[in-house]
């Protein structure tokens, strides 16, 4: 009789834990989305700062050459560019959305095509 009581109690605990696992939400996806959004925002801010520095360099007649390499771009932004490209979005529109130069976008796309 005592054994049956223990079995029933363990069964009730197991059912309660299963129910609780369905009730509890997983925040992993939400955190991942927030991180990607933050990364994109930071990259856009960096782009704006580079743009301002370029304007200042132009006003002060300082010439610096920026090389368009995909190594400078974060993986999240690369994936975003590739996703837009595979959806058929024009390079100019991708440049407007990601705030990257068209040359940089072309380098990312070329890297994607060459590795494909």
PDB file of N, CA and C in Angstrom:
ATOM      1  N   UNK A   1       0.822  -1.186   0.000  1.00  0.00           N
ATOM      2  CA  UNK A   1       0.000   0.000   0.000  1.00  0.00           C
ATOM      3  C   UNK A   1       0.866   1.250   0.000  1.00  0.00           C
ATOM      4  N   UNK A   2       1.946   1.248   0.802  1.00  0.00           N
ATOM      5  CA  UNK A   2       2.834   2.406   0.840  1.00  0.00           C
ATOM      6  C   UNK A   2       3.517   2.622  -0.502  1.00  0.00           C
ATOM      7  N   UNK A   3       3.803   1.532  -1.191  1.00  0.00           N
ATOM      8  CA  UNK A   3       4.456   1.633  -2.496  1.00  0.00           C
ATOM      9  C   UNK A   3       3.538   2.328  -3.501  1.00  0.00           C
ATOM     10  N   UNK A   4       2.242   2.017  -3.457  1.00  0.00           N
ATOM     11  CA  UNK A   4       1.283   2.643  -4.372  1.00  0.00           C
ATOM     12  C   UNK A   4       1.137   4.134  -4.094  1.00  0.00           C
ATOM     13  N   UNK A   5       1.210   4.528  -2.882  1.00  0.00           N
ATOM     14  CA  UNK A   5       1.117   5.947  -2.525  1.00  0.00           C
ATOM     15  C   UNK A   5       2.328   6.699  -3.089  1.00  0.00           C
ATOM     16  N   UNK A   6       3.511   6.094  -2.970  1.00  0.00           N
ATOM     17  CA  UNK A   6       4.732   6.720  -3.508  1.00  0.00           C
ATOM     18  C   UNK A   6       4.655   6.831  -5.032  1.00  0.00           C
ATOM     19  N   UNK A   7       4.160   5.771  -5.688  1.00  0.00           N
ATOM     20  CA  UNK A   7       4.020   5.781  -7.145  1.00  0.00           C
ATOM     21  C   UNK A   7       3.045   6.869  -7.577  1.00  0.00           C
ATOM     22  N   UNK A   8       1.923   6.989  -6.891  1.00  0.00           N
ATOM     23  CA  UNK A   8       0.921   8.008  -7.238  1.00  0.00           C
ATOM     24  C   UNK A   8       1.487   9.411  -7.019  1.00  0.00           C
ATOM     25  N   UNK A   9       2.205   9.625  -5.937  1.00  0.00           N
ATOM     26  CA  UNK A   9       2.803  10.934  -5.658  1.00  0.00           C
ATOM     27  C   UNK A   9       3.826  11.283  -6.741  1.00  0.00           C
ATOM     28  N   UNK A  10       4.668  10.299  -7.115  1.00  0.00           N
ATOM     29  CA  UNK A  10       5.655  10.553  -8.175  1.00  0.00           C
ATOM     30  C   UNK A  10       4.983  10.827  -9.509  1.00  0.00           C
ATOM     31  N   UNK A  11       3.889  10.139  -9.795  1.00  0.00           N
ATOM     32  CA  UNK A  11       3.141  10.370 -11.027  1.00  0.00           C
ATOM     33  C   UNK A  11       2.556  11.782 -11.046  1.00  0.00           C
ATOM     34  N   UNK A  12       2.007  12.215  -9.936  1.00  0.00           N
ATOM     35  CA  UNK A  12       1.442  13.564  -9.837  1.00  0.00           C
ATOM     36  C   UNK A  12       2.545  14.613 -10.019  1.00  0.00           C
ATOM     37  N   UNK A  13       3.698  14.379  -9.404  1.00  0.00           N
ATOM     38  CA  UNK A  13       4.829  15.309  -9.553  1.00  0.00           C
ATOM     39  C   UNK A  13       5.282  15.358 -11.010  1.00  0.00           C
ATOM     40  N   UNK A  14       5.361  14.200 -11.679  1.00  0.00           N
ATOM     41  CA  UNK A  14       5.779  14.147 -13.086  1.00  0.00           C
ATOM     42  C   UNK A  14       4.804  14.916 -13.972  1.00  0.00           C
ATOM     43  N   UNK A  15       3.508  14.728 -13.752  1.00  0.00           N
ATOM     44  CA  UNK A  15       2.494  15.436 -14.547  1.00  0.00           C
ATOM     45  C   UNK A  15       2.580  16.944 -14.291  1.00  0.00           C
ATOM     46  N   UNK A  16       2.802  17.332 -13.041  1.00  0.00           N
ATOM     47  CA  UNK A  16       2.922  18.754 -12.714  1.00  0.00           C
ATOM     48  C   UNK A  16       4.149  19.360 -13.386  1.00  0.00           C
ATOM     49  N   UNK A  17       5.248  18.634 -13.393  1.00  0.00           N
ATOM     50  CA  UNK A  17       6.465  19.154 -14.040  1.00  0.00           C
ATOM     51  C   UNK A  17       6.301  19.263 -15.555  1.00  0.00           C
ATOM     52  N   UNK A  18       5.628  18.315 -16.161  1.00  0.00           N
ATOM     53  CA  UNK A  18       5.367  18.392 -17.605  1.00  0.00           C
ATOM     54  C   UNK A  18       4.485  19.598 -17.912  1.00  0.00           C
ATOM     55  N   UNK A  19       3.435  19.785 -17.109  1.00  0.00           N
ATOM     56  CA  UNK A  19       2.572  20.951 -17.303  1.00  0.00           C
ATOM     57  C   UNK A  19       3.324  22.248 -17.119  1.00  0.00           C
ATOM     58  N   UNK A  20       4.194  22.305 -16.129  1.00  0.00           N
ATOM     59  CA  UNK A  20       4.987  23.514 -15.879  1.00  0.00           C
ATOM     60  C   UNK A  20       5.948  23.794 -17.028  1.00  0.00           C
ATOM     61  N   UNK A  21       6.522  22.733 -17.635  1.00  0.00           N
ATOM     62  CA  UNK A  21       7.454  22.932 -18.749  1.00  0.00           C
ATOM     63  C   UNK A  21       6.751  23.531 -19.962  1.00  0.00           C
ATOM     64  N   UNK A  22       5.473  23.186 -20.178  1.00  0.00           N
ATOM     65  CA  UNK A  22       4.724  23.796 -21.269  1.00  0.00           C
ATOM     66  C   UNK A  22       4.352  25.237 -20.954  1.00  0.00           C
ATOM     67  N   UNK A  23       4.140  25.531 -19.705  1.00  0.00           N
ATOM     68  CA  UNK A  23       3.748  26.871 -19.286  1.00  0.00           C
ATOM     69  C   UNK A  23       4.918  27.849 -19.354  1.00  0.00           C
ATOM     70  N   UNK A  24       6.098  27.378 -18.996  1.00  0.00           N
ATOM     71  CA  UNK A  24       7.278  28.239 -18.962  1.00  0.00           C
ATOM     72  C   UNK A  24       7.686  28.589 -20.382  1.00  0.00           C
ATOM     73  N   UNK A  25       7.962  29.868 -20.630  1.00  0.00           N
ATOM     74  CA  UNK A  25       8.340  30.334 -21.957  1.00  0.00           C
ATOM     75  C   UNK A  25       9.854  30.351 -22.088  1.00  0.00           C
ATOM     76  N   UNK A  26      10.321  30.108 -23.314  1.00  0.00           N
ATOM     77  CA  UNK A  26      11.754  30.135 -23.603  1.00  0.00           C
ATOM     78  C   UNK A  26      12.109  31.535 -24.095  1.00  0.00           C
ATOM     79  N   UNK A  27      12.992  32.219 -23.383  1.00  0.00           N
ATOM     80  CA  UNK A  27      13.391  33.576 -23.754  1.00  0.00           C
ATOM     81  C   UNK A  27      14.600  33.595 -24.674  1.00  0.00           C
ATOM     82  N   UNK A  28      15.108  32.455 -25.062  1.00  0.00           N
ATOM     83  CA  UNK A  28      16.299  32.389 -25.915  1.00  0.00           C
ATOM     84  C   UNK A  28      16.098  33.084 -27.250  1.00  0.00           C
ATOM     85  N   UNK A  29      14.985  32.833 -27.904  1.00  0.00           N
ATOM     86  CA  UNK A  29      14.717  33.455 -29.206  1.00  0.00           C
ATOM     87  C   UNK A  29      14.558  34.964 -29.066  1.00  0.00           C
ATOM     88  N   UNK A  30      13.889  35.389 -28.019  1.00  0.00           N
ATOM     89  CA  UNK A  30      13.681  36.823 -27.804  1.00  0.00           C
ATOM     90  C   UNK A  30      15.016  37.526 -27.576  1.00  0.00           C
ATOM     91  N   UNK A  31      15.872  36.917 -26.789  1.00  0.00           N
ATOM     92  CA  UNK A  31      17.190  37.508 -26.527  1.00  0.00           C
ATOM     93  C   UNK A  31      18.019  37.540 -27.801  1.00  0.00           C
ATOM     94  N   UNK A  32      17.942  36.491 -28.593  1.00  0.00           N
ATOM     95  CA  UNK A  32      18.682  36.441 -29.856  1.00  0.00           C
ATOM     96  C   UNK A  32      18.221  37.557 -30.796  1.00  0.00           C
ATOM     97  N   UNK A  33      16.920  37.765 -30.905  1.00  0.00           N
ATOM     98  CA  UNK A  33      16.387  38.823 -31.754  1.00  0.00           C
ATOM     99  C   UNK A  33      16.819  40.200 -31.254  1.00  0.00           C
ATOM    100  N   UNK A  34      16.790  40.394 -29.937  1.00  0.00           N
ATOM    101  CA  UNK A  34      17.220  41.669 -29.373  1.00  0.00           C
ATOM    102  C   UNK A  34      18.698  41.912 -29.642  1.00  0.00           C
ATOM    103  N   UNK A  35      19.517  40.862 -29.547  1.00  0.00           N
ATOM    104  CA  UNK A  35      20.948  40.987 -29.820  1.00  0.00           C
ATOM    105  C   UNK A  35      21.195  41.350 -31.281  1.00  0.00           C
ATOM    106  N   UNK A  36      20.495  40.705 -32.198  1.00  0.00           N
ATOM    107  CA  UNK A  36      20.649  41.014 -33.619  1.00  0.00           C
ATOM    108  C   UNK A  36      20.214  42.455 -33.910  1.00  0.00           C
ATOM    109  N   UNK A  37      19.106  42.865 -33.295  1.00  0.00           N
ATOM    110  CA  UNK A  37      18.626  44.234 -33.484  1.00  0.00           C
ATOM    111  C   UNK A  37      19.642  45.246 -32.956  1.00  0.00           C
ATOM    112  N   UNK A  38      20.206  44.958 -31.789  1.00  0.00           N
ATOM    113  CA  UNK A  38      21.219  45.826 -31.207  1.00  0.00           C
ATOM    114  C   UNK A  38      22.467  45.877 -32.080  1.00  0.00           C
ATOM    115  N   UNK A  39      22.865  44.736 -32.621  1.00  0.00           N
ATOM    116  CA  UNK A  39      24.030  44.688 -33.502  1.00  0.00           C
ATOM    117  C   UNK A  39      23.812  45.532 -34.746  1.00  0.00           C
ATOM    118  N   UNK A  40      22.637  45.392 -35.339  1.00  0.00           N
ATOM    119  CA  UNK A  40      22.333  46.190 -36.529  1.00  0.00           C
ATOM    120  C   UNK A  40      22.319  47.681 -36.204  1.00  0.00           C
ATOM    121  N   UNK A  41      21.743  48.035 -35.055  1.00  0.00           N
ATOM    122  CA  UNK A  41      21.697  49.439 -34.654  1.00  0.00           C
ATOM    123  C   UNK A  41      23.104  49.993 -34.453  1.00  0.00           C
ATOM    124  N   UNK A  42      23.968  49.207 -33.804  1.00  0.00           N
ATOM    125  CA  UNK A  42      25.345  49.651 -33.587  1.00  0.00           C
ATOM    126  C   UNK A  42      26.090  49.811 -34.905  1.00  0.00           C
ATOM    127  N   UNK A  43      25.870  48.889 -35.834  1.00  0.00           N
ATOM    128  CA  UNK A  43      26.525  48.997 -37.134  1.00  0.00           C
ATOM    129  C   UNK A  43      26.030  50.220 -37.895  1.00  0.00           C
ATOM    130  N   UNK A  44      24.753  50.525 -37.774  1.00  0.00           N
ATOM    131  CA  UNK A  44      24.223  51.714 -38.421  1.00  0.00           C
ATOM    132  C   UNK A  44      24.810  52.978 -37.795  1.00  0.00           C
ATOM    133  N   UNK A  45      24.966  52.975 -36.473  1.00  0.00           N
ATOM    134  CA  UNK A  45      25.590  54.117 -35.797  1.00  0.00           C
ATOM    135  C   UNK A  45      27.042  54.290 -36.238  1.00  0.00           C
ATOM    136  N   UNK A  46      27.763  53.197 -36.356  1.00  0.00           N
ATOM    137  CA  UNK A  46      29.152  53.262 -36.814  1.00  0.00           C
ATOM    138  C   UNK A  46      29.211  53.812 -38.233  1.00  0.00           C
ATOM    139  N   UNK A  47      28.282  53.380 -39.070  1.00  0.00           N
ATOM    140  CA  UNK A  47      28.247  53.888 -40.435  1.00  0.00           C
ATOM    141  C   UNK A  47      28.003  55.403 -40.438  1.00  0.00           C
ATOM    142  N   UNK A  48      27.064  55.857 -39.616  1.00  0.00           N
ATOM    143  CA  UNK A  48      26.785  57.294 -39.545  1.00  0.00           C
ATOM    144  C   UNK A  48      28.024  58.061 -39.082  1.00  0.00           C
ATOM    145  N   UNK A  49      28.736  57.522 -38.097  1.00  0.00           N
ATOM    146  CA  UNK A  49      29.960  58.180 -37.616  1.00  0.00           C
ATOM    147  C   UNK A  49      31.027  58.218 -38.709  1.00  0.00           C
ATOM    148  N   UNK A  50      31.175  57.135 -39.449  1.00  0.00           N
ATOM    149  CA  UNK A  50      32.138  57.114 -40.553  1.00  0.00           C
ATOM    150  C   UNK A  50      31.762  58.141 -41.613  1.00  0.00           C
ATOM    151  N   UNK A  51      30.472  58.276 -41.838  1.00  0.00           N
ATOM    152  CA  UNK A  51      29.999  59.251 -42.820  1.00  0.00           C
ATOM    153  C   UNK A  51      30.342  60.674 -42.371  1.00  0.00           C
ATOM    154  N   UNK A  52      30.148  60.948 -41.072  1.00  0.00           N
ATOM    155  CA  UNK A  52      30.482  62.274 -40.539  1.00  0.00           C
ATOM    156  C   UNK A  52      31.984  62.530 -40.607  1.00  0.00           C
ATOM    157  N   UNK A  53      32.773  61.502 -40.297  1.00  0.00           N
ATOM    158  CA  UNK A  53      34.230  61.650 -40.375  1.00  0.00           C
ATOM    159  C   UNK A  53      34.645  61.919 -41.809  1.00  0.00           C
ATOM    160  N   UNK A  54      34.010  61.251 -42.769  1.00  0.00           N
ATOM    161  CA  UNK A  54      34.336  61.484 -44.174  1.00  0.00           C
ATOM    162  C   UNK A  54      34.031  62.924 -44.570  1.00  0.00           C
ATOM    163  N   UNK A  55      32.907  63.447 -44.086  1.00  0.00           N
ATOM    164  CA  UNK A  55      32.565  64.839 -44.393  1.00  0.00           C
ATOM    165  C   UNK A  55      33.602  65.778 -43.785  1.00  0.00           C
ATOM    166  N   UNK A  56      34.002  65.520 -42.548  1.00  0.00           N
ATOM    167  CA  UNK A  56      35.024  66.344 -41.910  1.00  0.00           C
ATOM    168  C   UNK A  56      36.365  66.241 -42.634  1.00  0.00           C
ATOM    169  N   UNK A  57      36.743  65.044 -43.048  1.00  0.00           N
ATOM    170  CA  UNK A  57      37.989  64.872 -43.793  1.00  0.00           C
ATOM    171  C   UNK A  57      37.938  65.636 -45.105  1.00  0.00           C
ATOM    172  N   UNK A  58      36.776  65.612 -45.733  1.00  0.00           N
ATOM    173  CA  UNK A  58      36.626  66.332 -46.999  1.00  0.00           C
ATOM    174  C   UNK A  58      36.754  67.840 -46.777  1.00  0.00           C
ATOM    175  N   UNK A  59      36.155  68.344 -45.699  1.00  0.00           N
ATOM    176  CA  UNK A  59      36.238  69.770 -45.400  1.00  0.00           C
ATOM    177  C   UNK A  59      37.664  70.187 -45.054  1.00  0.00           C
ATOM    178  N   UNK A  60      38.404  69.302 -44.403  1.00  0.00           N
ATOM    179  CA  UNK A  60      39.771  69.615 -44.000  1.00  0.00           C
ATOM    180  C   UNK A  60      40.799  69.160 -45.033  1.00  0.00           C
ATOM    181  N   UNK A  61      40.333  68.686 -46.172  1.00  0.00           N
ATOM    182  CA  UNK A  61      41.193  68.205 -47.254  1.00  0.00           C
ATOM    183  C   UNK A  61      42.110  67.073 -46.806  1.00  0.00           C
ATOM    184  N   UNK A  62      41.598  66.195 -45.996  1.00  0.00           N
ATOM    185  CA  UNK A  62      42.322  64.996 -45.588  1.00  0.00           C
ATOM    186  C   UNK A  62      41.776  63.847 -46.418  1.00  0.00           C
ATOM    187  N   UNK A  63      42.668  63.162 -47.083  1.00  0.00           N
ATOM    188  CA  UNK A  63      42.232  62.078 -47.965  1.00  0.00           C
ATOM    189  C   UNK A  63      42.575  60.738 -47.331  1.00  0.00           C
ATOM    190  N   UNK A  64      41.573  59.926 -47.147  1.00  0.00           N
ATOM    191  CA  UNK A  64      41.792  58.560 -46.678  1.00  0.00           C
ATOM    192  C   UNK A  64      40.987  57.633 -47.568  1.00  0.00           C
ATOM    193  N   UNK A  65      41.568  56.508 -47.874  1.00  0.00           N
ATOM    194  CA  UNK A  65      40.921  55.572 -48.781  1.00  0.00           C
ATOM    195  C   UNK A  65      40.315  54.437 -47.970  1.00  0.00           C
ATOM    196  N   UNK A  66      39.019  54.223 -48.143  1.00  0.00           N
ATOM    197  CA  UNK A  66      38.329  53.137 -47.440  1.00  0.00           C
ATOM    198  C   UNK A  66      38.229  51.954 -48.375  1.00  0.00           C
ATOM    199  N   UNK A  67      38.732  50.833 -47.937  1.00  0.00           N
ATOM    200  CA  UNK A  67      38.636  49.631 -48.746  1.00  0.00           C
ATOM    201  C   UNK A  67      37.375  48.886 -48.368  1.00  0.00           C
ATOM    202  N   UNK A  68      36.694  48.432 -49.370  1.00  0.00           N
ATOM    203  CA  UNK A  68      35.449  47.705 -49.142  1.00  0.00           C
ATOM    204  C   UNK A  68      35.772  46.233 -48.974  1.00  0.00           C
ATOM    205  N   UNK A  69      35.779  45.776 -47.755  1.00  0.00           N
ATOM    206  CA  UNK A  69      36.028  44.367 -47.495  1.00  0.00           C
ATOM    207  C   UNK A  69      34.899  43.833 -46.633  1.00  0.00           C
ATOM    208  N   UNK A  70      34.566  42.598 -46.884  1.00  0.00           N
ATOM    209  CA  UNK A  70      33.485  42.004 -46.105  1.00  0.00           C
ATOM    210  C   UNK A  70      33.970  41.578 -44.723  1.00  0.00           C
ATOM    211  N   UNK A  71      35.279  41.594 -44.473  1.00  0.00           N
ATOM    212  CA  UNK A  71      35.789  41.210 -43.161  1.00  0.00           C
ATOM    213  C   UNK A  71      35.434  42.248 -42.102  1.00  0.00           C
ATOM    214  N   UNK A  72      35.173  43.479 -42.518  1.00  0.00           N
ATOM    215  CA  UNK A  72      34.846  44.542 -41.579  1.00  0.00           C
ATOM    216  C   UNK A  72      33.396  44.478 -41.102  1.00  0.00           C
ATOM    217  N   UNK A  73      32.588  43.663 -41.741  1.00  0.00           N
ATOM    218  CA  UNK A  73      31.155  43.640 -41.469  1.00  0.00           C
ATOM    219  C   UNK A  73      30.831  42.481 -40.531  1.00  0.00           C
ATOM    220  N   UNK A  74      29.944  42.725 -39.605  1.00  0.00           N
ATOM    221  CA  UNK A  74      29.508  41.709 -38.647  1.00  0.00           C
ATOM    222  C   UNK A  74      28.710  40.623 -39.378  1.00  0.00           C
ATOM    223  N   UNK A  75      28.783  39.400 -38.883  1.00  0.00           N
ATOM    224  CA  UNK A  75      28.107  38.268 -39.525  1.00  0.00           C
ATOM    225  C   UNK A  75      26.598  38.467 -39.628  1.00  0.00           C
ATOM    226  N   UNK A  76      26.005  39.095 -38.635  1.00  0.00           N
ATOM    227  CA  UNK A  76      24.557  39.331 -38.660  1.00  0.00           C
ATOM    228  C   UNK A  76      24.196  40.228 -39.835  1.00  0.00           C
ATOM    229  N   UNK A  77      25.000  41.261 -40.051  1.00  0.00           N
ATOM    230  CA  UNK A  77      24.724  42.176 -41.154  1.00  0.00           C
ATOM    231  C   UNK A  77      24.977  41.489 -42.490  1.00  0.00           C
ATOM    232  N   UNK A  78      26.002  40.632 -42.556  1.00  0.00           N
ATOM    233  CA  UNK A  78      26.251  39.878 -43.790  1.00  0.00           C
ATOM    234  C   UNK A  78      25.051  39.007 -44.134  1.00  0.00           C
ATOM    235  N   UNK A  79      24.526  38.305 -43.123  1.00  0.00           N
ATOM    236  CA  UNK A  79      23.364  37.443 -43.349  1.00  0.00           C
ATOM    237  C   UNK A  79      22.163  38.260 -43.805  1.00  0.00           C
ATOM    238  N   UNK A  80      22.012  39.454 -43.227  1.00  0.00           N
ATOM    239  CA  UNK A  80      20.897  40.327 -43.607  1.00  0.00           C
ATOM    240  C   UNK A  80      21.040  40.758 -45.067  1.00  0.00           C
ATOM    241  N   UNK A  81      22.253  41.129 -45.464  1.00  0.00           N
ATOM    242  CA  UNK A  81      22.508  41.541 -46.855  1.00  0.00           C
ATOM    243  C   UNK A  81      22.235  40.377 -47.794  1.00  0.00           C
ATOM    244  N   UNK A  82      22.717  39.192 -47.449  1.00  0.00           N
ATOM    245  CA  UNK A  82      22.523  38.019 -48.306  1.00  0.00           C
ATOM    246  C   UNK A  82      21.045  37.656 -48.402  1.00  0.00           C
ATOM    247  N   UNK A  83      20.330  37.767 -47.289  1.00  0.00           N
ATOM    248  CA  UNK A  83      18.899  37.473 -47.301  1.00  0.00           C
ATOM    249  C   UNK A  83      18.164  38.441 -48.221  1.00  0.00           C
ATOM    250  N   UNK A  84      18.480  39.715 -48.117  1.00  0.00           N
ATOM    251  CA  UNK A  84      17.834  40.698 -48.998  1.00  0.00           C
ATOM    252  C   UNK A  84      18.186  40.436 -50.460  1.00  0.00           C
ATOM    253  N   UNK A  85      19.443  40.080 -50.712  1.00  0.00           N
ATOM    254  CA  UNK A  85      19.878  39.805 -52.079  1.00  0.00           C
ATOM    255  C   UNK A  85      19.137  38.600 -52.657  1.00  0.00           C
ATOM    256  N   UNK A  86      19.006  37.530 -51.861  1.00  0.00           N
ATOM    257  CA  UNK A  86      18.323  36.334 -52.353  1.00  0.00           C
ATOM    258  C   UNK A  86      16.822  36.560 -52.532  1.00  0.00           C
ATOM    259  N   UNK A  87      16.284  37.575 -51.854  1.00  0.00           N
ATOM    260  CA  UNK A  87      14.870  37.911 -52.032  1.00  0.00           C
ATOM    261  C   UNK A  87      14.650  38.807 -53.245  1.00  0.00           C
ATOM    262  N   UNK A  88      15.745  39.195 -53.911  1.00  0.00           N
ATOM    263  CA  UNK A  88      15.630  39.977 -55.129  1.00  0.00           C
ATOM    264  C   UNK A  88      15.624  41.477 -54.910  1.00  0.00           C
ATOM    265  N   UNK A  89      16.050  41.936 -53.751  1.00  0.00           N
ATOM    266  CA  UNK A  89      16.093  43.371 -53.472  1.00  0.00           C
ATOM    267  C   UNK A  89      17.294  43.976 -54.198  1.00  0.00           C
ATOM    268  N   UNK A  90      17.114  45.146 -54.779  1.00  0.00           N
ATOM    269  CA  UNK A  90      18.182  45.811 -55.527  1.00  0.00           C
ATOM    270  C   UNK A  90      19.297  46.250 -54.578  1.00  0.00           C
ATOM    271  N   UNK A  91      20.505  46.329 -55.121  1.00  0.00           N
ATOM    272  CA  UNK A  91      21.673  46.690 -54.309  1.00  0.00           C
ATOM    273  C   UNK A  91      21.504  48.082 -53.705  1.00  0.00           C
ATOM    274  N   UNK A  92      20.919  49.005 -54.448  1.00  0.00           N
ATOM    275  CA  UNK A  92      20.710  50.355 -53.927  1.00  0.00           C
ATOM    276  C   UNK A  92      19.768  50.330 -52.714  1.00  0.00           C
ATOM    277  N   UNK A  93      18.727  49.502 -52.802  1.00  0.00           N
ATOM    278  CA  UNK A  93      17.783  49.384 -51.682  1.00  0.00           C
ATOM    279  C   UNK A  93      18.433  48.720 -50.467  1.00  0.00           C
ATOM    280  N   UNK A  94      19.289  47.734 -50.736  1.00  0.00           N
ATOM    281  CA  UNK A  94      20.015  47.088 -49.635  1.00  0.00           C
ATOM    282  C   UNK A  94      20.924  48.112 -48.965  1.00  0.00           C
ATOM    283  N   UNK A  95      21.570  48.955 -49.770  1.00  0.00           N
ATOM    284  CA  UNK A  95      22.448  49.988 -49.215  1.00  0.00           C
ATOM    285  C   UNK A  95      21.657  50.956 -48.339  1.00  0.00           C
ATOM    286  N   UNK A  96      20.458  51.312 -48.769  1.00  0.00           N
ATOM    287  CA  UNK A  96      19.627  52.213 -47.973  1.00  0.00           C
ATOM    288  C   UNK A  96      19.163  51.566 -46.674  1.00  0.00           C
ATOM    289  N   UNK A  97      18.827  50.285 -46.728  1.00  0.00           N
ATOM    290  CA  UNK A  97      18.333  49.597 -45.538  1.00  0.00           C
ATOM    291  C   UNK A  97      19.434  49.317 -44.529  1.00  0.00           C
ATOM    292  N   UNK A  98      20.614  48.918 -45.011  1.00  0.00           N
ATOM    293  CA  UNK A  98      21.695  48.532 -44.102  1.00  0.00           C
ATOM    294  C   UNK A  98      22.661  49.666 -43.820  1.00  0.00           C
ATOM    295  N   UNK A  99      22.553  50.748 -44.583  1.00  0.00           N
ATOM    296  CA  UNK A  99      23.439  51.904 -44.436  1.00  0.00           C
ATOM    297  C   UNK A  99      24.897  51.546 -44.698  1.00  0.00           C
ATOM    298  N   UNK A 100      25.094  50.616 -45.627  1.00  0.00           N
ATOM    299  CA  UNK A 100      26.435  50.254 -46.075  1.00  0.00           C
ATOM    300  C   UNK A 100      26.635  50.813 -47.475  1.00  0.00           C
ATOM    301  N   UNK A 101      27.893  50.941 -47.878  1.00  0.00           N
ATOM    302  CA  UNK A 101      28.160  51.421 -49.230  1.00  0.00           C
ATOM    303  C   UNK A 101      27.837  50.304 -50.224  1.00  0.00           C
ATOM    304  N   UNK A 102      27.542  50.717 -51.447  1.00  0.00           N
ATOM    305  CA  UNK A 102      27.216  49.725 -52.475  1.00  0.00           C
ATOM    306  C   UNK A 102      28.414  48.842 -52.772  1.00  0.00           C
ATOM    307  N   UNK A 103      29.622  49.404 -52.690  1.00  0.00           N
ATOM    308  CA  UNK A 103      30.824  48.611 -52.938  1.00  0.00           C
ATOM    309  C   UNK A 103      30.963  47.505 -51.895  1.00  0.00           C
ATOM    310  N   UNK A 104      30.683  47.822 -50.652  1.00  0.00           N
ATOM    311  CA  UNK A 104      30.767  46.821 -49.587  1.00  0.00           C
ATOM    312  C   UNK A 104      29.715  45.738 -49.789  1.00  0.00           C
ATOM    313  N   UNK A 105      28.531  46.136 -50.185  1.00  0.00           N
ATOM    314  CA  UNK A 105      27.463  45.168 -50.430  1.00  0.00           C
ATOM    315  C   UNK A 105      27.837  44.254 -51.591  1.00  0.00           C
ATOM    316  N   UNK A 106      28.439  44.814 -52.624  1.00  0.00           N
ATOM    317  CA  UNK A 106      28.867  43.991 -53.759  1.00  0.00           C
ATOM    318  C   UNK A 106      29.935  42.986 -53.343  1.00  0.00           C
ATOM    319  N   UNK A 107      30.837  43.407 -52.451  1.00  0.00           N
ATOM    320  CA  UNK A 107      31.869  42.486 -51.970  1.00  0.00           C
ATOM    321  C   UNK A 107      31.239  41.341 -51.181  1.00  0.00           C
ATOM    322  N   UNK A 108      30.265  41.658 -50.317  1.00  0.00           N
ATOM    323  CA  UNK A 108      29.577  40.620 -49.544  1.00  0.00           C
ATOM    324  C   UNK A 108      28.852  39.660 -50.461  1.00  0.00           C
ATOM    325  N   UNK A 109      28.163  40.187 -51.465  1.00  0.00           N
ATOM    326  CA  UNK A 109      27.421  39.351 -52.404  1.00  0.00           C
ATOM    327  C   UNK A 109      28.378  38.487 -53.220  1.00  0.00           C
ATOM    328  N   UNK A 110      29.499  39.075 -53.665  1.00  0.00           N
ATOM    329  CA  UNK A 110      30.488  38.306 -54.415  1.00  0.00           C
ATOM    330  C   UNK A 110      31.068  37.173 -53.578  1.00  0.00           C
ATOM    331  N   UNK A 111      31.352  37.447 -52.306  1.00  0.00           N
ATOM    332  CA  UNK A 111      31.831  36.400 -51.408  1.00  0.00           C
ATOM    333  C   UNK A 111      30.795  35.282 -51.272  1.00  0.00           C
ATOM    334  N   UNK A 112      29.533  35.673 -51.162  1.00  0.00           N
ATOM    335  CA  UNK A 112      28.446  34.700 -51.042  1.00  0.00           C
ATOM    336  C   UNK A 112      28.348  33.841 -52.299  1.00  0.00           C
ATOM    337  N   UNK A 113      28.426  34.473 -53.462  1.00  0.00           N
ATOM    338  CA  UNK A 113      28.317  33.737 -54.721  1.00  0.00           C
ATOM    339  C   UNK A 113      29.522  32.814 -54.909  1.00  0.00           C
ATOM    340  N   UNK A 114      30.707  33.276 -54.558  1.00  0.00           N
ATOM    341  CA  UNK A 114      31.916  32.455 -54.733  1.00  0.00           C
ATOM    342  C   UNK A 114      31.937  31.260 -53.796  1.00  0.00           C
ATOM    343  N   UNK A 115      31.377  31.384 -52.595  1.00  0.00           N
ATOM    344  CA  UNK A 115      31.374  30.272 -51.662  1.00  0.00           C
ATOM    345  C   UNK A 115      30.212  29.320 -51.899  1.00  0.00           C
ATOM    346  N   UNK A 116      29.268  29.731 -52.677  1.00  0.00           N
ATOM    347  CA  UNK A 116      28.076  28.933 -52.937  1.00  0.00           C
ATOM    348  C   UNK A 116      28.361  27.794 -53.852  1.00  0.00           C
TER     349      UNK A 116
END
